Amino acid sequence: MIETKRPPQNVRREIITLPSGGAELALHLWRPRKEIKGAVFYFHGLQSHAGWLWEVGPRFADNDIAFYVLDRRGSGISSGERDELPDAATVLADYGHAIAHVRESIGDAVPLSLFGHCLGGSFLAALLHHPDFTTRYDAAIYCSTWLGRLHATLGEEERAALAADRSRELWDAGLKSSDFTDDAKYRQYIDHDDLAVRRLVRSSRSTLLELERLYMNPRHRPPEVPAAFVSGLTDPIVDLDATHRVFHEMVSGRGMIIKFPTDKHYLFYTDVSDSLIDWASAYTLLQGVDRDV
């Protein structure tokens, strides 16, 4: 029997050009043609970009959720240097600008969830702990994210050396498509994706460390909103026990942990994709119900 995915209904796709700090960023949007009942803003990981969500966006829109994905500066079809992250202030300013645009577009009444996958979850955590980020959001979702990875895997002296590294030598994250999915179609796509960022100059890792420090040693606490951490039962890339400890500390024990029945890293490219989309949609819409009560 050939299994087919449910085709999207009444979905509109847009790419919005968003100027930010001298760059032209691509903000991708999938939205229902009728009423928008909720919105999800997605932070992609190191090598991925909005193109990886070509099936996911329409499914969210089918659930009356406007789904936004920003191609990070230097990723996807956004402008910027490939293989390089700018400084942490620029990264966070880009995201802050994009989310403010989303909130203005959807209005104050629509519940907005911020969803960070893999490295995108670290960007999300850093943004929420930065005092300049003041846009209202209603929930935070961390998916297959190793929060505080550099702090967990490097000692204090190693982190100091990394922070001082200004080398232009390329560093390979060593990501394998087989860790992301078992599906041959998606593995083929990942392995031959010309827009994927597979390596970074070594100096860019100091940006990753600086972003981690914002939430590992916070000077600013974000508002108390519902937060969830979702993953597979196991993850070939993420130490789930280590990241759960950081997550609980960040949300002061108020967050929920949900595990879906897969052992792969990129849940959207596994059999649990539809379940994750439906759960994230319902979780987002629930925030609007709670606010109205």
C-alpha atoms as a PDB file:
ATOM      1  CA  MET A   1       0.000   0.000   0.000  1.00  0.00           C
ATOM      2  CA  ILE A   2       1.389   3.425  -0.956  1.00  0.00           C
ATOM      3  CA  GLU A   3       0.998   5.981   1.803  1.00  0.00           C
ATOM      4  CA  THR A   4       0.334   9.542   0.686  1.00  0.00           C
ATOM      5  CA  LYS A   5       0.352  12.728   2.710  1.00  0.00           C
ATOM      6  CA  ARG A   6      -2.816  14.792   2.998  1.00  0.00           C
ATOM      7  CA  PRO A   7      -2.640  17.622   0.441  1.00  0.00           C
ATOM      8  CA  PRO A   8      -2.705  21.161   1.836  1.00  0.00           C
ATOM      9  CA  GLN A   9      -5.980  23.062   1.675  1.00  0.00           C
ATOM     10  CA  ASN A  10      -6.336  26.820   1.101  1.00  0.00           C
ATOM     11  CA  VAL A  11      -2.662  27.546   1.771  1.00  0.00           C
ATOM     12  CA  ARG A  12      -0.934  30.722   0.635  1.00  0.00           C
ATOM     13  CA  ARG A  13       2.873  30.914   0.412  1.00  0.00           C
ATOM     14  CA  GLU A  14       4.808  34.171   0.516  1.00  0.00           C
ATOM     15  CA  ILE A  15       8.449  35.231   0.793  1.00  0.00           C
ATOM     16  CA  ILE A  16       8.867  38.599   2.471  1.00  0.00           C
ATOM     17  CA  THR A  17      12.102  40.550   1.963  1.00  0.00           C
ATOM     18  CA  LEU A  18      13.055  41.980   5.339  1.00  0.00           C
ATOM     19  CA  PRO A  19      15.889  44.551   5.462  1.00  0.00           C
ATOM     20  CA  SER A  20      17.935  44.204   8.656  1.00  0.00           C
ATOM     21  CA  GLY A  21      21.269  45.789   9.493  1.00  0.00           C
ATOM     22  CA  GLY A  22      22.471  46.039   5.911  1.00  0.00           C
ATOM     23  CA  ALA A  23      21.260  42.543   4.961  1.00  0.00           C
ATOM     24  CA  GLU A  24      18.241  41.414   2.946  1.00  0.00           C
ATOM     25  CA  LEU A  25      16.638  38.578   4.898  1.00  0.00           C
ATOM     26  CA  ALA A  26      14.056  36.146   3.524  1.00  0.00           C
ATOM     27  CA  LEU A  27      11.074  35.614   5.800  1.00  0.00           C
ATOM     28  CA  HIS A  28       9.010  32.702   4.490  1.00  0.00           C
ATOM     29  CA  LEU A  29       5.327  32.481   5.322  1.00  0.00           C
ATOM     30  CA  TRP A  30       2.691  29.813   4.865  1.00  0.00           C
ATOM     31  CA  ARG A  31      -0.746  30.957   5.970  1.00  0.00           C
ATOM     32  CA  PRO A  32      -4.391  30.017   5.564  1.00  0.00           C
ATOM     33  CA  ARG A  33      -6.389  32.054   3.090  1.00  0.00           C
ATOM     34  CA  LYS A  34      -9.073  32.429   5.735  1.00  0.00           C
ATOM     35  CA  GLU A  35      -8.705  33.416   9.385  1.00  0.00           C
ATOM     36  CA  ILE A  36      -5.312  33.119  11.104  1.00  0.00           C
ATOM     37  CA  LYS A  37      -6.026  31.617  14.519  1.00  0.00           C
ATOM     38  CA  GLY A  38      -2.417  31.235  15.652  1.00  0.00           C
ATOM     39  CA  ALA A  39       1.172  31.697  14.463  1.00  0.00           C
ATOM     40  CA  VAL A  40       4.471  29.830  14.812  1.00  0.00           C
ATOM     41  CA  PHE A  41       7.849  31.480  14.209  1.00  0.00           C
ATOM     42  CA  TYR A  42      10.520  28.852  13.463  1.00  0.00           C
ATOM     43  CA  PHE A  43      14.269  29.113  14.168  1.00  0.00           C
ATOM     44  CA  HIS A  44      16.113  26.694  11.864  1.00  0.00           C
ATOM     45  CA  GLY A  45      19.329  24.869  12.753  1.00  0.00           C
ATOM     46  CA  LEU A  46      22.902  25.132  11.514  1.00  0.00           C
ATOM     47  CA  GLN A  47      22.682  23.618   8.032  1.00  0.00           C
ATOM     48  CA  SER A  48      18.964  23.853   7.354  1.00  0.00           C
ATOM     49  CA  HIS A  49      16.842  26.732   6.046  1.00  0.00           C
ATOM     50  CA  ALA A  50      13.214  27.419   5.145  1.00  0.00           C
ATOM     51  CA  GLY A  51      13.407  25.067   2.158  1.00  0.00           C
ATOM     52  CA  TRP A  52      13.501  22.121   4.557  1.00  0.00           C
ATOM     53  CA  LEU A  53       9.969  23.044   5.660  1.00  0.00           C
ATOM     54  CA  TRP A  54       8.291  22.829   2.240  1.00  0.00           C
ATOM     55  CA  GLU A  55       5.873  20.171   3.518  1.00  0.00           C
ATOM     56  CA  VAL A  56       5.665  21.398   7.110  1.00  0.00           C
ATOM     57  CA  GLY A  57       4.501  24.944   6.384  1.00  0.00           C
ATOM     58  CA  PRO A  58       1.347  23.904   4.478  1.00  0.00           C
ATOM     59  CA  ARG A  59       0.421  21.449   7.208  1.00  0.00           C
ATOM     60  CA  PHE A  60       0.553  24.182   9.850  1.00  0.00           C
ATOM     61  CA  ALA A  61      -1.523  26.403   7.566  1.00  0.00           C
ATOM     62  CA  ASP A  62      -4.078  23.603   7.249  1.00  0.00           C
ATOM     63  CA  ASN A  63      -4.438  23.887  11.031  1.00  0.00           C
ATOM     64  CA  ASP A  64      -5.191  27.634  10.770  1.00  0.00           C
ATOM     65  CA  ILE A  65      -1.635  28.453  11.883  1.00  0.00           C
ATOM     66  CA  ALA A  66       0.487  31.029  10.060  1.00  0.00           C
ATOM     67  CA  PHE A  67       3.964  29.469   9.866  1.00  0.00           C
ATOM     68  CA  TYR A  68       6.957  31.803   9.581  1.00  0.00           C
ATOM     69  CA  VAL A  69      10.572  30.789   8.915  1.00  0.00           C
ATOM     70  CA  LEU A  70      13.422  33.291   8.717  1.00  0.00           C
ATOM     71  CA  ASP A  71      16.400  32.256   6.623  1.00  0.00           C
ATOM     72  CA  ARG A  72      19.187  33.257   9.006  1.00  0.00           C
ATOM     73  CA  ARG A  73      21.688  35.793   7.661  1.00  0.00           C
ATOM     74  CA  GLY A  74      24.010  33.817   5.352  1.00  0.00           C
ATOM     75  CA  SER A  75      21.560  30.872   5.137  1.00  0.00           C
ATOM     76  CA  GLY A  76      18.963  29.821   2.593  1.00  0.00           C
ATOM     77  CA  ILE A  77      18.201  32.706   0.250  1.00  0.00           C
ATOM     78  CA  SER A  78      19.042  35.475   2.739  1.00  0.00           C
ATOM     79  CA  SER A  79      22.066  37.646   2.023  1.00  0.00           C
ATOM     80  CA  GLY A  80      25.205  37.434   4.139  1.00  0.00           C
ATOM     81  CA  GLU A  81      28.466  35.538   4.270  1.00  0.00           C
ATOM     82  CA  ARG A  82      28.139  31.770   3.880  1.00  0.00           C
ATOM     83  CA  ASP A  83      30.087  29.629   6.365  1.00  0.00           C
ATOM     84  CA  GLU A  84      30.133  32.488   8.868  1.00  0.00           C
ATOM     85  CA  LEU A  85      27.974  33.740  11.707  1.00  0.00           C
ATOM     86  CA  PRO A  86      28.048  37.455  12.485  1.00  0.00           C
ATOM     87  CA  ASP A  87      28.433  38.627  16.079  1.00  0.00           C
ATOM     88  CA  ALA A  88      25.751  37.662  18.592  1.00  0.00           C
ATOM     89  CA  ALA A  89      24.247  41.167  18.649  1.00  0.00           C
ATOM     90  CA  THR A  90      23.602  41.019  14.897  1.00  0.00           C
ATOM     91  CA  VAL A  91      22.111  37.520  15.055  1.00  0.00           C
ATOM     92  CA  LEU A  92      19.710  38.548  17.816  1.00  0.00           C
ATOM     93  CA  ALA A  93      18.830  41.861  16.165  1.00  0.00           C
ATOM     94  CA  ASP A  94      17.844  40.004  12.977  1.00  0.00           C
ATOM     95  CA  TYR A  95      15.558  37.648  14.862  1.00  0.00           C
ATOM     96  CA  GLY A  96      14.127  40.402  17.043  1.00  0.00           C
ATOM     97  CA  HIS A  97      13.329  42.500  13.976  1.00  0.00           C
ATOM     98  CA  ALA A  98      11.650  39.568  12.210  1.00  0.00           C
ATOM     99  CA  ILE A  99       9.515  38.574  15.208  1.00  0.00           C
ATOM    100  CA  ALA A 100       8.420  42.178  15.745  1.00  0.00           C
ATOM    101  CA  HIS A 101       7.325  42.195  12.094  1.00  0.00           C
ATOM    102  CA  VAL A 102       5.350  38.988  12.633  1.00  0.00           C
ATOM    103  CA  ARG A 103       3.607  40.334  15.735  1.00  0.00           C
ATOM    104  CA  GLU A 104       2.680  43.532  13.918  1.00  0.00           C
ATOM    105  CA  SER A 105       1.348  41.495  10.973  1.00  0.00           C
ATOM    106  CA  ILE A 106      -0.834  39.107  12.984  1.00  0.00           C
ATOM    107  CA  GLY A 107      -1.994  41.605  15.618  1.00  0.00           C
ATOM    108  CA  ASP A 108      -2.065  41.348  19.392  1.00  0.00           C
ATOM    109  CA  ALA A 109      -4.966  38.903  19.657  1.00  0.00           C
ATOM    110  CA  VAL A 110      -3.356  35.992  17.760  1.00  0.00           C
ATOM    111  CA  PRO A 111      -1.280  33.619  19.944  1.00  0.00           C
ATOM    112  CA  LEU A 112       2.348  33.348  18.815  1.00  0.00           C
ATOM    113  CA  SER A 113       4.680  30.438  19.593  1.00  0.00           C
ATOM    114  CA  LEU A 114       8.434  30.629  19.056  1.00  0.00           C
ATOM    115  CA  PHE A 115       9.807  27.249  17.895  1.00  0.00           C
ATOM    116  CA  GLY A 116      13.552  26.529  17.852  1.00  0.00           C
ATOM    117  CA  HIS A 117      14.988  23.377  16.296  1.00  0.00           C
ATOM    118  CA  CYS A 118      18.512  22.103  17.060  1.00  0.00           C
ATOM    119  CA  LEU A 119      20.903  25.097  17.022  1.00  0.00           C
ATOM    120  CA  GLY A 120      17.871  27.286  16.409  1.00  0.00           C
ATOM    121  CA  GLY A 121      16.741  26.427  19.942  1.00  0.00           C
ATOM    122  CA  SER A 122      19.946  27.949  21.314  1.00  0.00           C
ATOM    123  CA  PHE A 123      19.318  31.101  19.265  1.00  0.00           C
ATOM    124  CA  LEU A 124      15.778  31.172  20.666  1.00  0.00           C
ATOM    125  CA  ALA A 125      16.941  30.790  24.281  1.00  0.00           C
ATOM    126  CA  ALA A 126      19.539  33.536  23.844  1.00  0.00           C
ATOM    127  CA  LEU A 127      16.991  35.911  22.324  1.00  0.00           C
ATOM    128  CA  LEU A 128      14.498  35.372  25.145  1.00  0.00           C
ATOM    129  CA  HIS A 129      17.193  36.160  27.733  1.00  0.00           C
ATOM    130  CA  HIS A 130      18.290  39.384  26.041  1.00  0.00           C
ATOM    131  CA  PRO A 131      16.823  42.552  27.588  1.00  0.00           C
ATOM    132  CA  ASP A 132      16.331  44.244  24.205  1.00  0.00           C
ATOM    133  CA  PHE A 133      13.798  41.627  23.095  1.00  0.00           C
ATOM    134  CA  THR A 134      10.409  42.964  24.171  1.00  0.00           C
ATOM    135  CA  THR A 135       7.958  41.598  21.582  1.00  0.00           C
ATOM    136  CA  ARG A 136       5.133  39.674  23.230  1.00  0.00           C
ATOM    137  CA  TYR A 137       4.978  35.953  22.549  1.00  0.00           C
ATOM    138  CA  ASP A 138       2.783  33.301  24.099  1.00  0.00           C
ATOM    139  CA  ALA A 139       4.794  30.062  24.207  1.00  0.00           C
ATOM    140  CA  ALA A 140       8.301  28.721  23.569  1.00  0.00           C
ATOM    141  CA  ILE A 141       9.016  25.313  22.025  1.00  0.00           C
ATOM    142  CA  TYR A 142      12.489  23.765  21.954  1.00  0.00           C
ATOM    143  CA  CYS A 143      12.842  20.813  19.591  1.00  0.00           C
ATOM    144  CA  SER A 144      15.823  18.415  19.520  1.00  0.00           C
ATOM    145  CA  THR A 145      18.031  21.182  20.923  1.00  0.00           C
ATOM    146  CA  TRP A 146      21.190  20.631  22.964  1.00  0.00           C
ATOM    147  CA  LEU A 147      20.899  23.677  25.176  1.00  0.00           C
ATOM    148  CA  GLY A 148      24.300  24.676  26.587  1.00  0.00           C
ATOM    149  CA  ARG A 149      26.206  22.210  24.437  1.00  0.00           C
ATOM    150  CA  LEU A 150      29.545  24.067  24.513  1.00  0.00           C
ATOM    151  CA  HIS A 151      29.276  24.508  28.265  1.00  0.00           C
ATOM    152  CA  ALA A 152      28.568  20.783  28.666  1.00  0.00           C
ATOM    153  CA  THR A 153      31.344  19.502  26.403  1.00  0.00           C
ATOM    154  CA  LEU A 154      34.165  22.038  26.982  1.00  0.00           C
ATOM    155  CA  GLY A 155      36.000  22.958  30.162  1.00  0.00           C
ATOM    156  CA  GLU A 156      36.498  26.536  31.321  1.00  0.00           C
ATOM    157  CA  GLU A 157      39.939  26.872  29.704  1.00  0.00           C
ATOM    158  CA  GLU A 158      38.675  25.372  26.442  1.00  0.00           C
ATOM    159  CA  ARG A 159      35.776  27.804  26.356  1.00  0.00           C
ATOM    160  CA  ALA A 160      38.163  30.721  26.966  1.00  0.00           C
ATOM    161  CA  ALA A 161      40.329  29.554  24.054  1.00  0.00           C
ATOM    162  CA  LEU A 162      37.280  29.195  21.829  1.00  0.00           C
ATOM    163  CA  ALA A 163      36.071  32.699  22.723  1.00  0.00           C
ATOM    164  CA  ALA A 164      39.461  34.115  21.679  1.00  0.00           C
ATOM    165  CA  ASP A 165      39.737  32.098  18.439  1.00  0.00           C
ATOM    166  CA  ARG A 166      39.742  34.368  15.374  1.00  0.00           C
ATOM    167  CA  SER A 167      40.792  31.695  12.897  1.00  0.00           C
ATOM    168  CA  ARG A 168      39.264  31.679   9.418  1.00  0.00           C
ATOM    169  CA  GLU A 169      39.853  27.933   9.125  1.00  0.00           C
ATOM    170  CA  LEU A 170      36.666  26.023   8.353  1.00  0.00           C
ATOM    171  CA  TRP A 171      35.153  23.857  11.079  1.00  0.00           C
ATOM    172  CA  ASP A 172      32.926  20.915  10.111  1.00  0.00           C
ATOM    173  CA  ALA A 173      30.071  20.102  12.474  1.00  0.00           C
ATOM    174  CA  GLY A 174      30.167  16.468  11.311  1.00  0.00           C
ATOM    175  CA  LEU A 175      26.409  16.217  10.760  1.00  0.00           C
ATOM    176  CA  LYS A 176      25.175  13.123   8.901  1.00  0.00           C
ATOM    177  CA  SER A 177      21.872  12.810   7.112  1.00  0.00           C
ATOM    178  CA  SER A 178      21.454   9.341   8.624  1.00  0.00           C
ATOM    179  CA  ASP A 179      21.238  10.998  12.059  1.00  0.00           C
ATOM    180  CA  PHE A 180      18.390  13.169  10.838  1.00  0.00           C
ATOM    181  CA  THR A 181      16.173  10.604   9.135  1.00  0.00           C
ATOM    182  CA  ASP A 182      15.837   7.054   7.823  1.00  0.00           C
ATOM    183  CA  ASP A 183      13.796   8.194   4.815  1.00  0.00           C
ATOM    184  CA  ALA A 184      15.849   7.887   1.605  1.00  0.00           C
ATOM    185  CA  LYS A 185      14.041  10.820  -0.045  1.00  0.00           C
ATOM    186  CA  TYR A 186      14.939  13.219   2.745  1.00  0.00           C
ATOM    187  CA  ARG A 187      18.481  11.899   3.080  1.00  0.00           C
ATOM    188  CA  GLN A 188      18.991  12.504  -0.649  1.00  0.00           C
ATOM    189  CA  TYR A 189      17.701  16.046  -0.223  1.00  0.00           C
ATOM    190  CA  ILE A 190      19.953  16.802   2.772  1.00  0.00           C
ATOM    191  CA  ASP A 191      23.052  15.353   1.116  1.00  0.00           C
ATOM    192  CA  HIS A 192      22.559  17.349  -2.109  1.00  0.00           C
ATOM    193  CA  ASP A 193      21.151  20.587  -0.730  1.00  0.00           C
ATOM    194  CA  ASP A 194      23.204  23.381  -2.317  1.00  0.00           C
ATOM    195  CA  LEU A 195      21.867  25.943   0.168  1.00  0.00           C
ATOM    196  CA  ALA A 196      22.873  23.982   3.275  1.00  0.00           C
ATOM    197  CA  VAL A 197      25.540  25.459   5.566  1.00  0.00           C
ATOM    198  CA  ARG A 198      27.753  22.498   6.447  1.00  0.00           C
ATOM    199  CA  ARG A 199      30.813  24.272   7.812  1.00  0.00           C
ATOM    200  CA  LEU A 200      31.603  27.473   9.691  1.00  0.00           C
ATOM    201  CA  VAL A 201      34.800  29.449  10.067  1.00  0.00           C
ATOM    202  CA  ARG A 202      36.212  28.603  13.472  1.00  0.00           C
ATOM    203  CA  SER A 203      35.802  32.164  14.737  1.00  0.00           C
ATOM    204  CA  SER A 204      32.021  31.771  14.375  1.00  0.00           C
ATOM    205  CA  ARG A 205      32.008  29.304  17.253  1.00  0.00           C
ATOM    206  CA  SER A 206      32.771  32.209  19.584  1.00  0.00           C
ATOM    207  CA  THR A 207      29.369  33.619  18.564  1.00  0.00           C
ATOM    208  CA  LEU A 208      27.710  30.331  19.507  1.00  0.00           C
ATOM    209  CA  LEU A 209      29.430  30.456  22.889  1.00  0.00           C
ATOM    210  CA  GLU A 210      28.393  34.075  23.446  1.00  0.00           C
ATOM    211  CA  LEU A 211      24.785  33.165  22.690  1.00  0.00           C
ATOM    212  CA  GLU A 212      24.926  30.247  25.124  1.00  0.00           C
ATOM    213  CA  ARG A 213      26.223  32.485  27.890  1.00  0.00           C
ATOM    214  CA  LEU A 214      23.116  34.658  27.667  1.00  0.00           C
ATOM    215  CA  TYR A 215      20.941  31.841  28.983  1.00  0.00           C
ATOM    216  CA  MET A 216      23.491  29.759  30.878  1.00  0.00           C
ATOM    217  CA  ASN A 217      24.471  32.747  33.031  1.00  0.00           C
ATOM    218  CA  PRO A 218      21.421  34.974  32.636  1.00  0.00           C
ATOM    219  CA  ARG A 219      21.297  38.588  33.721  1.00  0.00           C
ATOM    220  CA  HIS A 220      17.778  38.941  32.370  1.00  0.00           C
ATOM    221  CA  ARG A 221      14.838  36.602  32.888  1.00  0.00           C
ATOM    222  CA  PRO A 222      12.158  36.302  30.188  1.00  0.00           C
ATOM    223  CA  PRO A 223       8.445  36.489  31.046  1.00  0.00           C
ATOM    224  CA  GLU A 224       6.862  33.327  32.392  1.00  0.00           C
ATOM    225  CA  VAL A 225       5.086  31.782  29.425  1.00  0.00           C
ATOM    226  CA  PRO A 226       4.322  28.103  28.706  1.00  0.00           C
ATOM    227  CA  ALA A 227       7.435  26.260  27.510  1.00  0.00           C
ATOM    228  CA  ALA A 228       7.949  22.770  26.138  1.00  0.00           C
ATOM    229  CA  PHE A 229      10.883  20.615  25.058  1.00  0.00           C
ATOM    230  CA  VAL A 230      10.118  18.041  22.363  1.00  0.00           C
ATOM    231  CA  SER A 231      12.353  15.338  20.904  1.00  0.00           C
ATOM    232  CA  GLY A 232      12.455  11.695  19.935  1.00  0.00           C
ATOM    233  CA  LEU A 233      12.808   8.974  22.546  1.00  0.00           C
ATOM    234  CA  THR A 234      16.543   9.181  21.886  1.00  0.00           C
ATOM    235  CA  ASP A 235      18.633  11.504  19.728  1.00  0.00           C
ATOM    236  CA  PRO A 236      21.885  10.625  17.902  1.00  0.00           C
ATOM    237  CA  ILE A 237      23.142  14.239  18.141  1.00  0.00           C
ATOM    238  CA  VAL A 238      21.732  15.603  21.404  1.00  0.00           C
ATOM    239  CA  ASP A 239      22.455  14.521  24.985  1.00  0.00           C
ATOM    240  CA  LEU A 240      18.841  14.653  26.145  1.00  0.00           C
ATOM    241  CA  ASP A 241      19.617  14.338  29.853  1.00  0.00           C
ATOM    242  CA  ALA A 242      22.053  17.265  29.701  1.00  0.00           C
ATOM    243  CA  THR A 243      19.730  19.512  27.712  1.00  0.00           C
ATOM    244  CA  HIS A 244      16.732  18.689  29.907  1.00  0.00           C
ATOM    245  CA  ARG A 245      18.676  19.920  32.957  1.00  0.00           C
ATOM    246  CA  VAL A 246      19.373  23.259  31.265  1.00  0.00           C
ATOM    247  CA  PHE A 247      15.774  23.509  30.072  1.00  0.00           C
ATOM    248  CA  HIS A 248      14.382  22.954  33.566  1.00  0.00           C
ATOM    249  CA  GLU A 249      16.757  25.561  34.968  1.00  0.00           C
ATOM    250  CA  MET A 250      15.761  28.085  32.283  1.00  0.00           C
ATOM    251  CA  VAL A 251      12.040  27.708  32.887  1.00  0.00           C
ATOM    252  CA  SER A 252      12.338  27.231  36.660  1.00  0.00           C
ATOM    253  CA  GLY A 253      10.837  23.747  36.465  1.00  0.00           C
ATOM    254  CA  ARG A 254       7.641  24.989  34.788  1.00  0.00           C
ATOM    255  CA  GLY A 255       8.193  23.422  31.374  1.00  0.00           C
ATOM    256  CA  MET A 256       6.922  20.163  29.953  1.00  0.00           C
ATOM    257  CA  ILE A 257       8.975  17.490  28.186  1.00  0.00           C
ATOM    258  CA  ILE A 258       7.409  15.491  25.360  1.00  0.00           C
ATOM    259  CA  LYS A 259       9.008  12.578  23.531  1.00  0.00           C
ATOM    260  CA  PHE A 260       7.783  11.254  20.206  1.00  0.00           C
ATOM    261  CA  PRO A 261       8.414   7.633  19.123  1.00  0.00           C
ATOM    262  CA  THR A 262      11.488   8.063  16.922  1.00  0.00           C
ATOM    263  CA  ASP A 263      15.249   7.821  17.395  1.00  0.00           C
ATOM    264  CA  LYS A 264      16.109  10.410  14.719  1.00  0.00           C
ATOM    265  CA  HIS A 265      17.062  14.053  15.110  1.00  0.00           C
ATOM    266  CA  TYR A 266      14.901  15.906  12.562  1.00  0.00           C
ATOM    267  CA  LEU A 267      11.393  14.981  13.629  1.00  0.00           C
ATOM    268  CA  PHE A 268       9.788  16.619  10.596  1.00  0.00           C
ATOM    269  CA  TYR A 269      11.519  14.064   8.361  1.00  0.00           C
ATOM    270  CA  THR A 270      10.198  11.064  10.306  1.00  0.00           C
ATOM    271  CA  ASP A 271       6.871   9.294  10.796  1.00  0.00           C
ATOM    272  CA  VAL A 272       6.060  11.544  13.771  1.00  0.00           C
ATOM    273  CA  SER A 273       5.987  14.728  11.660  1.00  0.00           C
ATOM    274  CA  ASP A 274       2.197  15.041  11.464  1.00  0.00           C
ATOM    275  CA  SER A 275       1.830  14.325  15.180  1.00  0.00           C
ATOM    276  CA  LEU A 276       4.388  17.022  16.024  1.00  0.00           C
ATOM    277  CA  ILE A 277       2.694  19.574  13.750  1.00  0.00           C
ATOM    278  CA  ASP A 278      -0.743  18.838  15.210  1.00  0.00           C
ATOM    279  CA  TRP A 279       0.601  19.000  18.764  1.00  0.00           C
ATOM    280  CA  ALA A 280       2.449  22.310  18.164  1.00  0.00           C
ATOM    281  CA  SER A 281      -0.652  23.751  16.472  1.00  0.00           C
ATOM    282  CA  ALA A 282      -2.919  22.783  19.369  1.00  0.00           C
ATOM    283  CA  TYR A 283      -0.352  24.020  21.909  1.00  0.00           C
ATOM    284  CA  THR A 284      -0.252  27.396  20.162  1.00  0.00           C
ATOM    285  CA  LEU A 285      -4.022  27.731  19.859  1.00  0.00           C
ATOM    286  CA  LEU A 286      -4.444  26.789  23.522  1.00  0.00           C
ATOM    287  CA  GLN A 287      -2.542  29.919  24.552  1.00  0.00           C
ATOM    288  CA  GLY A 288      -5.221  32.045  22.911  1.00  0.00           C
ATOM    289  CA  VAL A 289      -7.962  30.119  24.747  1.00  0.00           C
ATOM    290  CA  ASP A 290      -6.192  30.573  28.080  1.00  0.00           C
ATOM    291  CA  ARG A 291      -5.837  34.320  27.495  1.00  0.00           C
ATOM    292  CA  ASP A 292      -9.540  34.686  26.636  1.00  0.00           C
ATOM    293  CA  VAL A 293     -10.763  32.860  29.741  1.00  0.00           C
END
